[in-house]
Amino acid sequence: MDQEASAAQAMGSEPADEKKKVQAQVRIDTSQLKSSYCNVSNVTSTREEVVINFGINQNWDLGQKDMAVELQHRIILSPFAAKRLQQMLSKLLQEYEGRYGQLN
């Protein structure tokens, strides 16, 4: 082992040419997972959090003057987690539109 490699190893890192990507093992526990259908969502935010509400609109007559929406779920995220969600959704929708055509 050369001097650079020895020094890097002693400091807890590897020299640039020997760096290896370490893949973290993520275990996903679905024992408490519940699925539900939602066709309505809205989003609000403060400086510290992003709030996403999900619900059901069961009004089939679009000409109705009043609509009742039943909110069922509220997800509260940090702005950083919301940004990651936005990136994942953008990628997913781009792939979806590539397969099935543009959404309007």
Foldseek 3Di string as FASTA:
>chain_A
DDPQQVVQVVVVHGPPVPDDDDDDDDDDDCPPPDDDDFDDWDWDDDQFKIKIWTWHWPDPDPPDPDTDTDTDDIDIGGVVVVVVVVVVVVVVQVVVCVVVNDDD
